[in-house]
Amino acid sequence: MARSPRRCFTAAPSTFASATPAWLANGPTGATSTSNTIFAATFFAVDGNCDTYAYGTNRGEIRMTRDGGKTWVDPDPNHLLPARAINSIAFDPTTSQTLYVAMSNFNAATPTTPGHVYKTTNASSASRTWANTGPAEDVPFDAVVVDPRSPGVVYAGSDTGLWVSGDAGGSWQKVGPDRGLPFAPGYDLQINPATNLTVVFTHGRGAFKLTPP
């Protein structure tokens, strides 16, 4: 039987077993540095060494490393993303070239770049592109997650509830009370592929787990 690939965070936690753990600066410097507040960060889980990760700031900046922070790239050098806070970042579990970001605020803040869920499929190419691939709802979006078991399934939590796409952001459906979920802000989403548990954490209404039909 083929072995499953080692996933990030599954290695022996020797670093954290130290009696005197040390923290070192790991962010970009020089031309790729950012000076704004980091609002979101994520790892590419399939990288068993945990060397591939990205972060986003409150001004819509995004940075990514593939070597554990030794070098960094700007996946949006042409500033195609709205200059609004990035509340959440998610990698497609099958390729680190594909990233989704959930944007805060309203379209009026950046009228020439509307939208709240953006996607790139060429994060490391010489001509990186981003596209508005989210629902048309004009409210802050707080979370975005790609299902590691089925990469075409993407969840996005907004200030008014949960949205789900079955075609990698091509189309979206709002999940509401008819399926047991209140129209409450979806601030976080977690999917455990080992237990097949999908949970959305709301503001003010608690946590809800997905129950297959």
C-alpha atoms as a PDB file:
ATOM      1  CA  MET A   1       0.000   0.000   0.000  1.00  0.00           C
ATOM      2  CA  ALA A   2       1.356   3.437  -0.930  1.00  0.00           C
ATOM      3  CA  ARG A   3       2.255   5.685   1.964  1.00  0.00           C
ATOM      4  CA  SER A   4       0.552   9.040   2.332  1.00  0.00           C
ATOM      5  CA  PRO A   5       2.891  11.993   1.831  1.00  0.00           C
ATOM      6  CA  ARG A   6       4.170  13.581   5.011  1.00  0.00           C
ATOM      7  CA  ARG A   7       2.235  16.737   5.750  1.00  0.00           C
ATOM      8  CA  CYS A   8       3.399  19.911   7.420  1.00  0.00           C
ATOM      9  CA  PHE A   9       3.176  19.723  11.256  1.00  0.00           C
ATOM     10  CA  THR A  10       3.492  15.911  11.346  1.00  0.00           C
ATOM     11  CA  ALA A  11       7.238  15.820  11.957  1.00  0.00           C
ATOM     12  CA  ALA A  12       8.604  15.184  15.448  1.00  0.00           C
ATOM     13  CA  PRO A  13       8.246  18.429  17.462  1.00  0.00           C
ATOM     14  CA  SER A  14      11.888  18.452  18.611  1.00  0.00           C
ATOM     15  CA  THR A  15      12.130  22.237  18.370  1.00  0.00           C
ATOM     16  CA  PHE A  16       9.366  22.727  20.897  1.00  0.00           C
ATOM     17  CA  ALA A  17      10.806  20.123  23.297  1.00  0.00           C
ATOM     18  CA  SER A  18      13.760  22.357  24.097  1.00  0.00           C
ATOM     19  CA  ALA A  19      13.986  23.757  27.626  1.00  0.00           C
ATOM     20  CA  THR A  20      15.104  27.092  26.180  1.00  0.00           C
ATOM     21  CA  PRO A  21      13.310  27.611  22.850  1.00  0.00           C
ATOM     22  CA  ALA A  22      14.431  30.614  20.831  1.00  0.00           C
ATOM     23  CA  TRP A  23      12.557  32.789  18.333  1.00  0.00           C
ATOM     24  CA  LEU A  24      14.316  34.394  15.392  1.00  0.00           C
ATOM     25  CA  ALA A  25      13.146  36.971  12.859  1.00  0.00           C
ATOM     26  CA  ASN A  26      11.876  35.092   9.810  1.00  0.00           C
ATOM     27  CA  GLY A  27      10.204  37.724   7.636  1.00  0.00           C
ATOM     28  CA  PRO A  28      11.355  39.351   4.410  1.00  0.00           C
ATOM     29  CA  THR A  29      13.913  42.143   4.340  1.00  0.00           C
ATOM     30  CA  GLY A  30      15.025  44.618   1.728  1.00  0.00           C
ATOM     31  CA  ALA A  31      12.934  44.995  -1.420  1.00  0.00           C
ATOM     32  CA  THR A  32      10.369  42.377  -0.373  1.00  0.00           C
ATOM     33  CA  SER A  33       9.869  43.651   3.178  1.00  0.00           C
ATOM     34  CA  THR A  34       6.544  44.995   4.452  1.00  0.00           C
ATOM     35  CA  SER A  35       5.951  47.444   7.280  1.00  0.00           C
ATOM     36  CA  ASN A  36       2.227  46.950   7.812  1.00  0.00           C
ATOM     37  CA  THR A  37       0.387  44.717  10.262  1.00  0.00           C
ATOM     38  CA  ILE A  38       0.167  41.011   9.399  1.00  0.00           C
ATOM     39  CA  PHE A  39      -3.475  39.913   9.482  1.00  0.00           C
ATOM     40  CA  ALA A  40      -3.260  36.378   8.054  1.00  0.00           C
ATOM     41  CA  ALA A  41      -0.744  33.577   7.533  1.00  0.00           C
ATOM     42  CA  THR A  42      -0.871  30.003   6.273  1.00  0.00           C
ATOM     43  CA  PHE A  43       1.326  26.996   5.464  1.00  0.00           C
ATOM     44  CA  PHE A  44       1.223  24.807   2.370  1.00  0.00           C
ATOM     45  CA  ALA A  45       0.325  21.622   4.225  1.00  0.00           C
ATOM     46  CA  VAL A  46       1.691  19.186   1.624  1.00  0.00           C
ATOM     47  CA  ASP A  47       5.208  20.544   2.158  1.00  0.00           C
ATOM     48  CA  GLY A  48       6.369  18.049   4.793  1.00  0.00           C
ATOM     49  CA  ASN A  49       9.223  20.350   5.822  1.00  0.00           C
ATOM     50  CA  CYS A  50       6.840  23.255   6.522  1.00  0.00           C
ATOM     51  CA  ASP A  51       9.063  25.513   4.392  1.00  0.00           C
ATOM     52  CA  THR A  52       6.302  26.958   2.184  1.00  0.00           C
ATOM     53  CA  TYR A  53       4.098  29.617   3.734  1.00  0.00           C
ATOM     54  CA  ALA A  54       2.573  33.017   3.037  1.00  0.00           C
ATOM     55  CA  TYR A  55       1.177  36.002   4.870  1.00  0.00           C
ATOM     56  CA  GLY A  56      -1.035  39.014   4.150  1.00  0.00           C
ATOM     57  CA  THR A  57      -1.201  42.477   5.699  1.00  0.00           C
ATOM     58  CA  ASN A  58      -3.834  45.054   6.580  1.00  0.00           C
ATOM     59  CA  ARG A  59      -2.921  46.973   3.383  1.00  0.00           C
ATOM     60  CA  GLY A  60      -3.429  44.111   0.941  1.00  0.00           C
ATOM     61  CA  GLU A  61       0.230  43.108   0.674  1.00  0.00           C
ATOM     62  CA  ILE A  62       1.144  39.428   0.354  1.00  0.00           C
ATOM     63  CA  ARG A  63       4.484  37.635   0.659  1.00  0.00           C
ATOM     64  CA  MET A  64       5.466  33.987   0.195  1.00  0.00           C
ATOM     65  CA  THR A  65       8.506  31.817   0.933  1.00  0.00           C
ATOM     66  CA  ARG A  66       9.384  28.308  -0.256  1.00  0.00           C
ATOM     67  CA  ASP A  67      12.568  27.843   1.775  1.00  0.00           C
ATOM     68  CA  GLY A  68      11.504  28.485   5.342  1.00  0.00           C
ATOM     69  CA  GLY A  69      11.962  32.239   5.220  1.00  0.00           C
ATOM     70  CA  LYS A  70      15.440  32.417   3.686  1.00  0.00           C
ATOM     71  CA  THR A  71      14.043  34.155   0.611  1.00  0.00           C
ATOM     72  CA  TRP A  72      10.664  35.744  -0.063  1.00  0.00           C
ATOM     73  CA  VAL A  73       8.695  36.715  -3.167  1.00  0.00           C
ATOM     74  CA  ASP A  74       5.868  39.144  -3.752  1.00  0.00           C
ATOM     75  CA  PRO A  75       3.048  37.180  -5.457  1.00  0.00           C
ATOM     76  CA  ASP A  76       1.354  40.479  -6.369  1.00  0.00           C
ATOM     77  CA  PRO A  77       4.081  42.749  -7.788  1.00  0.00           C
ATOM     78  CA  ASN A  78       1.606  44.555 -10.043  1.00  0.00           C
ATOM     79  CA  HIS A  79      -0.752  45.377  -7.148  1.00  0.00           C
ATOM     80  CA  LEU A  80      -3.765  43.603  -8.606  1.00  0.00           C
ATOM     81  CA  LEU A  81      -5.197  42.899  -5.155  1.00  0.00           C
ATOM     82  CA  PRO A  82      -7.334  45.580  -3.502  1.00  0.00           C
ATOM     83  CA  ALA A  83      -5.429  47.715  -1.002  1.00  0.00           C
ATOM     84  CA  ARG A  84      -7.609  46.352   1.795  1.00  0.00           C
ATOM     85  CA  ALA A  85      -6.902  44.044   4.693  1.00  0.00           C
ATOM     86  CA  ILE A  86      -6.247  40.392   3.877  1.00  0.00           C
ATOM     87  CA  ASN A  87      -8.154  38.553   6.588  1.00  0.00           C
ATOM     88  CA  SER A  88      -7.365  35.010   5.442  1.00  0.00           C
ATOM     89  CA  ILE A  89      -5.105  33.089   3.021  1.00  0.00           C
ATOM     90  CA  ALA A  90      -5.489  29.519   1.757  1.00  0.00           C
ATOM     91  CA  PHE A  91      -3.361  27.346  -0.510  1.00  0.00           C
ATOM     92  CA  ASP A  92      -4.895  24.856  -2.908  1.00  0.00           C
ATOM     93  CA  PRO A  93      -3.796  21.571  -1.273  1.00  0.00           C
ATOM     94  CA  THR A  94      -2.519  20.171  -4.574  1.00  0.00           C
ATOM     95  CA  THR A  95      -0.307  23.075  -5.681  1.00  0.00           C
ATOM     96  CA  SER A  96       1.407  25.988  -3.976  1.00  0.00           C
ATOM     97  CA  GLN A  97       0.926  27.973  -7.199  1.00  0.00           C
ATOM     98  CA  THR A  98      -2.738  28.509  -6.304  1.00  0.00           C
ATOM     99  CA  LEU A  99      -3.660  30.851  -3.474  1.00  0.00           C
ATOM    100  CA  TYR A 100      -6.963  32.330  -2.304  1.00  0.00           C
ATOM    101  CA  VAL A 101      -7.286  35.452  -0.150  1.00  0.00           C
ATOM    102  CA  ALA A 102     -10.302  36.859   1.688  1.00  0.00           C
ATOM    103  CA  MET A 103     -10.477  40.658   1.741  1.00  0.00           C
ATOM    104  CA  SER A 104     -12.007  42.943   4.347  1.00  0.00           C
ATOM    105  CA  ASN A 105     -13.863  46.279   4.037  1.00  0.00           C
ATOM    106  CA  PHE A 106     -16.278  47.288   1.254  1.00  0.00           C
ATOM    107  CA  ASN A 107     -15.863  47.878  -2.471  1.00  0.00           C
ATOM    108  CA  ALA A 108     -16.266  51.622  -1.974  1.00  0.00           C
ATOM    109  CA  ALA A 109     -12.848  51.653  -0.288  1.00  0.00           C
ATOM    110  CA  THR A 110     -11.197  50.476  -3.543  1.00  0.00           C
ATOM    111  CA  PRO A 111     -13.748  51.127  -6.319  1.00  0.00           C
ATOM    112  CA  THR A 112     -11.353  50.206  -9.128  1.00  0.00           C
ATOM    113  CA  THR A 113     -10.620  46.805  -7.555  1.00  0.00           C
ATOM    114  CA  PRO A 114     -13.899  45.445  -6.158  1.00  0.00           C
ATOM    115  CA  GLY A 115     -14.335  41.971  -4.723  1.00  0.00           C
ATOM    116  CA  HIS A 116     -13.673  40.036  -1.551  1.00  0.00           C
ATOM    117  CA  VAL A 117     -12.200  36.666  -2.577  1.00  0.00           C
ATOM    118  CA  TYR A 118      -9.264  36.752  -4.969  1.00  0.00           C
ATOM    119  CA  LYS A 119      -7.349  33.859  -6.505  1.00  0.00           C
ATOM    120  CA  THR A 120      -4.042  33.298  -8.284  1.00  0.00           C
ATOM    121  CA  THR A 121      -2.984  30.122 -10.072  1.00  0.00           C
ATOM    122  CA  ASN A 122       0.581  31.234 -10.854  1.00  0.00           C
ATOM    123  CA  ALA A 123       1.965  32.577  -7.586  1.00  0.00           C
ATOM    124  CA  SER A 124       5.602  32.071  -8.635  1.00  0.00           C
ATOM    125  CA  SER A 125       5.522  32.846 -12.350  1.00  0.00           C
ATOM    126  CA  ALA A 126       7.161  35.853 -13.959  1.00  0.00           C
ATOM    127  CA  SER A 127       3.740  37.298 -14.868  1.00  0.00           C
ATOM    128  CA  ARG A 128       1.637  36.657 -11.772  1.00  0.00           C
ATOM    129  CA  THR A 129      -2.086  37.294 -12.073  1.00  0.00           C
ATOM    130  CA  TRP A 130      -4.975  37.606  -9.622  1.00  0.00           C
ATOM    131  CA  ALA A 131      -8.712  37.425 -10.319  1.00  0.00           C
ATOM    132  CA  ASN A 132     -11.785  38.379  -8.332  1.00  0.00           C
ATOM    133  CA  THR A 133     -13.377  34.954  -7.934  1.00  0.00           C
ATOM    134  CA  GLY A 134     -15.661  35.463  -4.932  1.00  0.00           C
ATOM    135  CA  PRO A 135     -19.382  35.986  -4.388  1.00  0.00           C
ATOM    136  CA  ALA A 136     -20.878  39.304  -5.425  1.00  0.00           C
ATOM    137  CA  GLU A 137     -21.817  40.121  -1.823  1.00  0.00           C
ATOM    138  CA  ASP A 138     -20.234  43.444  -0.851  1.00  0.00           C
ATOM    139  CA  VAL A 139     -19.332  42.883   2.805  1.00  0.00           C
ATOM    140  CA  PRO A 140     -16.060  42.064   4.565  1.00  0.00           C
ATOM    141  CA  PHE A 141     -14.929  38.458   4.125  1.00  0.00           C
ATOM    142  CA  ASP A 142     -13.158  36.954   7.101  1.00  0.00           C
ATOM    143  CA  ALA A 143     -12.067  33.425   6.152  1.00  0.00           C
ATOM    144  CA  VAL A 144     -11.343  31.253   3.142  1.00  0.00           C
ATOM    145  CA  VAL A 145     -10.500  27.521   3.194  1.00  0.00           C
ATOM    146  CA  VAL A 146      -9.952  24.921   0.468  1.00  0.00           C
ATOM    147  CA  ASP A 147     -11.117  21.396   1.250  1.00  0.00           C
ATOM    148  CA  PRO A 148      -7.961  19.199   1.326  1.00  0.00           C
ATOM    149  CA  ARG A 149     -10.039  16.168   0.319  1.00  0.00           C
ATOM    150  CA  SER A 150     -11.596  17.884  -2.705  1.00  0.00           C
ATOM    151  CA  PRO A 151      -9.685  20.983  -3.908  1.00  0.00           C
ATOM    152  CA  GLY A 152     -12.605  22.205  -6.011  1.00  0.00           C
ATOM    153  CA  VAL A 153     -14.592  22.840  -2.829  1.00  0.00           C
ATOM    154  CA  VAL A 154     -13.871  26.260  -1.345  1.00  0.00           C
ATOM    155  CA  TYR A 155     -15.535  27.804   1.705  1.00  0.00           C
ATOM    156  CA  ALA A 156     -15.624  31.541   2.395  1.00  0.00           C
ATOM    157  CA  GLY A 157     -16.957  33.164   5.550  1.00  0.00           C
ATOM    158  CA  SER A 158     -18.309  36.705   5.328  1.00  0.00           C
ATOM    159  CA  ASP A 159     -19.793  39.126   7.850  1.00  0.00           C
ATOM    160  CA  THR A 160     -23.235  37.789   6.921  1.00  0.00           C
ATOM    161  CA  GLY A 161     -22.573  34.047   6.758  1.00  0.00           C
ATOM    162  CA  LEU A 162     -20.969  31.160   4.921  1.00  0.00           C
ATOM    163  CA  TRP A 163     -20.525  30.694   1.176  1.00  0.00           C
ATOM    164  CA  VAL A 164     -19.428  27.527  -0.612  1.00  0.00           C
ATOM    165  CA  SER A 165     -18.118  26.892  -4.128  1.00  0.00           C
ATOM    166  CA  GLY A 166     -17.934  23.472  -5.762  1.00  0.00           C
ATOM    167  CA  ASP A 167     -15.899  24.598  -8.762  1.00  0.00           C
ATOM    168  CA  ALA A 168     -12.864  26.358  -7.279  1.00  0.00           C
ATOM    169  CA  GLY A 169     -14.524  29.754  -7.084  1.00  0.00           C
ATOM    170  CA  GLY A 170     -16.361  29.684 -10.397  1.00  0.00           C
ATOM    171  CA  SER A 171     -19.766  29.921  -8.717  1.00  0.00           C
ATOM    172  CA  TRP A 172     -21.011  30.224  -5.138  1.00  0.00           C
ATOM    173  CA  GLN A 173     -23.986  29.357  -2.957  1.00  0.00           C
ATOM    174  CA  LYS A 174     -24.954  30.946   0.347  1.00  0.00           C
ATOM    175  CA  VAL A 175     -25.426  28.455   3.184  1.00  0.00           C
ATOM    176  CA  GLY A 176     -28.277  29.515   5.430  1.00  0.00           C
ATOM    177  CA  PRO A 177     -30.865  28.474   7.992  1.00  0.00           C
ATOM    178  CA  ASP A 178     -32.436  26.007   5.573  1.00  0.00           C
ATOM    179  CA  ARG A 179     -29.311  23.908   6.126  1.00  0.00           C
ATOM    180  CA  GLY A 180     -28.980  24.626   9.826  1.00  0.00           C
ATOM    181  CA  LEU A 181     -26.525  27.521   9.667  1.00  0.00           C
ATOM    182  CA  PRO A 182     -27.490  31.038  10.857  1.00  0.00           C
ATOM    183  CA  PHE A 183     -26.678  34.155   8.891  1.00  0.00           C
ATOM    184  CA  ALA A 184     -23.884  35.044  11.317  1.00  0.00           C
ATOM    185  CA  PRO A 185     -20.317  36.185  10.585  1.00  0.00           C
ATOM    186  CA  GLY A 186     -18.101  33.218   9.721  1.00  0.00           C
ATOM    187  CA  TYR A 187     -14.793  34.172  11.289  1.00  0.00           C
ATOM    188  CA  ASP A 188     -12.936  30.883  10.915  1.00  0.00           C
ATOM    189  CA  LEU A 189     -13.188  27.520   9.145  1.00  0.00           C
ATOM    190  CA  GLN A 190     -11.293  24.345   9.930  1.00  0.00           C
ATOM    191  CA  ILE A 191     -11.253  21.037   8.029  1.00  0.00           C
ATOM    192  CA  ASN A 192      -9.698  17.862   9.437  1.00  0.00           C
ATOM    193  CA  PRO A 193      -9.149  15.411   6.551  1.00  0.00           C
ATOM    194  CA  ALA A 194      -8.344  12.582   8.967  1.00  0.00           C
ATOM    195  CA  THR A 195     -11.706  12.778  10.730  1.00  0.00           C
ATOM    196  CA  ASN A 196     -13.704  14.271   7.815  1.00  0.00           C
ATOM    197  CA  LEU A 197     -14.818  17.046  10.154  1.00  0.00           C
ATOM    198  CA  THR A 198     -15.585  20.512   8.757  1.00  0.00           C
ATOM    199  CA  VAL A 199     -16.370  23.236  11.299  1.00  0.00           C
ATOM    200  CA  VAL A 200     -17.294  26.899  10.892  1.00  0.00           C
ATOM    201  CA  PHE A 201     -16.805  29.238  13.833  1.00  0.00           C
ATOM    202  CA  THR A 202     -19.207  32.174  13.929  1.00  0.00           C
ATOM    203  CA  HIS A 203     -19.318  35.464  15.788  1.00  0.00           C
ATOM    204  CA  GLY A 204     -22.010  35.282  18.440  1.00  0.00           C
ATOM    205  CA  ARG A 205     -23.681  32.018  17.400  1.00  0.00           C
ATOM    206  CA  GLY A 206     -21.044  29.418  18.258  1.00  0.00           C
ATOM    207  CA  ALA A 207     -19.522  26.644  16.109  1.00  0.00           C
ATOM    208  CA  PHE A 208     -21.295  24.446  13.571  1.00  0.00           C
ATOM    209  CA  LYS A 209     -20.082  21.201  12.022  1.00  0.00           C
ATOM    210  CA  LEU A 210     -20.977  19.946   8.576  1.00  0.00           C
ATOM    211  CA  THR A 211     -23.086  16.800   8.652  1.00  0.00           C
ATOM    212  CA  PRO A 212     -23.117  14.845   5.362  1.00  0.00           C
ATOM    213  CA  PRO A 213     -26.601  13.937   4.083  1.00  0.00           C
END
